Protein backbone atom coordinates (compact mmCIF):
# COMPACT_ATOMS: atom_id res chain seq x y z
CA UNK A 1 6.60 1.79 17.55
CA UNK A 2 7.99 3.32 14.22
CA UNK A 3 11.32 5.13 14.78
CA UNK A 4 13.64 6.58 12.12
CA UNK A 5 16.76 7.97 13.66
CA UNK A 6 19.16 9.95 11.69
CA UNK A 7 22.83 10.41 12.50
CA UNK A 8 26.01 11.62 10.91
CA UNK A 9 25.30 15.30 10.47
CA UNK A 10 27.63 18.13 11.53
CA UNK A 11 29.94 20.98 10.36
CA UNK A 12 32.04 20.47 7.42
CA UNK A 13 34.15 22.70 5.21
CA UNK A 14 33.32 23.31 1.53
CA UNK A 15 34.38 20.45 -0.69
CA UNK A 16 34.29 17.91 2.30
CA UNK A 17 32.28 14.87 2.83
CA UNK A 18 29.74 13.57 5.25
CA UNK A 19 27.92 10.25 5.48
CA UNK A 20 24.38 10.29 7.01
CA UNK A 21 22.67 7.20 8.45
CA UNK A 22 19.13 6.42 9.16
CA UNK A 23 18.21 3.56 11.36
CA UNK A 24 14.80 2.26 11.13
CA UNK A 25 12.77 0.16 13.54
CA UNK A 26 9.05 -0.63 14.11
CA UNK A 27 8.03 -1.64 10.55
CA UNK A 28 9.20 -3.94 7.65
CA UNK A 29 12.03 -1.83 6.26
CA UNK A 30 12.38 -3.89 3.16
CA UNK A 31 8.77 -3.14 1.96
CA UNK A 32 9.44 0.72 2.11
CA UNK A 33 10.97 3.06 -0.43
CA UNK A 34 13.49 5.32 1.67
CA UNK A 35 14.26 8.86 0.90
CA UNK A 36 16.22 11.83 2.13
CA UNK A 37 14.80 15.23 2.20
CA UNK A 38 16.29 18.52 3.33
CA UNK A 39 14.98 21.82 4.57
CA UNK A 40 17.24 25.00 4.62
CA UNK A 41 16.04 27.89 6.81
CA UNK A 42 13.30 29.81 5.24
CA UNK A 43 12.73 27.26 2.53
CA UNK A 44 10.44 24.31 1.79
CA UNK A 45 11.36 20.75 2.37
CA UNK A 46 12.85 19.37 -0.76
CA UNK A 47 13.57 15.67 -2.00
CA UNK A 48 17.34 15.08 -2.16
CA UNK A 49 17.35 11.26 -3.00
CA UNK A 50 15.12 8.26 -3.09
CA UNK A 51 15.92 4.44 -3.29
CA UNK A 52 13.23 1.88 -4.06
CA UNK A 53 12.52 -0.91 -1.49
CA UNK A 54 14.88 -3.44 -3.07
CA UNK A 55 17.42 -0.84 -3.71
CA UNK A 56 17.61 -1.32 -7.44
CA UNK A 57 16.25 2.26 -8.30
CA UNK A 58 17.56 5.60 -7.27
CA UNK A 59 16.50 9.07 -7.95
CA UNK A 60 18.48 12.28 -7.11
CA UNK A 61 17.60 16.10 -7.12
CA UNK A 62 19.48 17.79 -10.06
CA UNK A 63 21.42 19.89 -7.39
CA UNK A 64 23.00 16.86 -5.86
CA UNK A 65 23.47 14.54 -8.89
CA UNK A 66 27.09 13.23 -9.11
CA UNK A 67 27.91 14.41 -5.51
CA UNK A 68 25.38 12.43 -3.31
CA UNK A 69 24.82 8.69 -3.26
CA UNK A 70 22.00 6.99 -1.51
CA UNK A 71 22.10 3.34 -0.43
CA UNK A 72 20.49 0.88 1.76
CA UNK A 73 21.24 -2.34 3.65
CA UNK A 74 18.09 -4.21 4.32
CA UNK A 75 19.75 -6.56 6.65
CA UNK A 76 20.62 -3.70 8.92
CA UNK A 77 17.43 -1.66 8.50
CA UNK A 78 19.55 1.32 7.56
CA UNK A 79 19.61 3.93 4.70
CA UNK A 80 22.59 5.96 4.03
CA UNK A 81 23.48 9.22 2.13
CA UNK A 82 26.97 9.75 1.10
CA UNK A 83 27.59 13.41 0.51
CA UNK A 84 30.70 14.46 -1.34
CA UNK A 85 31.99 17.80 -2.68
CA UNK A 86 29.64 19.57 -0.32
CA UNK A 87 28.69 23.20 -0.93
CA UNK A 88 27.37 26.06 1.37
CA UNK A 89 24.16 25.65 -0.42
CA UNK A 90 23.87 22.10 0.97
CA UNK A 91 23.45 23.39 4.47
CA UNK A 92 20.13 22.17 5.91
CA UNK A 93 18.41 19.91 8.31
CA UNK A 94 18.29 16.51 6.55
CA UNK A 95 15.35 14.18 7.07
CA UNK A 96 14.96 10.40 6.52
CA UNK A 97 11.50 9.26 5.17
CA UNK A 98 10.00 5.88 4.67
CA UNK A 99 7.05 5.45 2.20
CA UNK A 100 5.16 2.35 1.29
CA UNK A 101 3.78 2.67 -2.17
CA UNK A 102 0.03 2.50 -2.65
CA UNK A 103 -0.51 3.04 1.11
CA UNK A 104 -0.74 5.99 3.50
CA UNK A 105 2.17 4.65 5.48
CA UNK A 106 4.63 7.41 5.47
CA UNK A 107 7.18 8.13 8.34
CA UNK A 108 9.75 10.79 9.15
CA UNK A 109 12.82 10.95 11.32
CA UNK A 110 13.66 13.99 13.48
CA UNK A 111 16.28 15.32 11.34
CA UNK A 112 20.07 16.00 11.53
CA UNK A 113 21.67 19.21 10.80
CA UNK A 114 24.32 19.69 8.03
CA UNK A 115 26.24 22.73 7.89
CA UNK A 116 28.84 23.50 5.21
CA UNK A 117 30.86 26.48 6.02
CA UNK A 118 34.54 27.62 6.14
């Protein structure tokens, strides 16, 4: 059974930091690109960051470049999102996604709430 379990969300003040984790099970983690998406209330889900299966290549939304860092540990089947210099506009539910290139294998976690507010 495929599972993606996010953790690490919460309430943080502007300028603060959070580290999200996504623990994967039920599939061969090292074969999948991993991404973080977010969805703010009333908005569409958007890609925040992506990391290739081997971890060599990363991509970021322009809005988070220089502030967020995606990483993965294939020995622990876990992907991370380090979020620094958080802004109120980063407030959203953050979702972990696993995708295997050239297949229809695409999995989602249940999401974790991040709220940036003073």
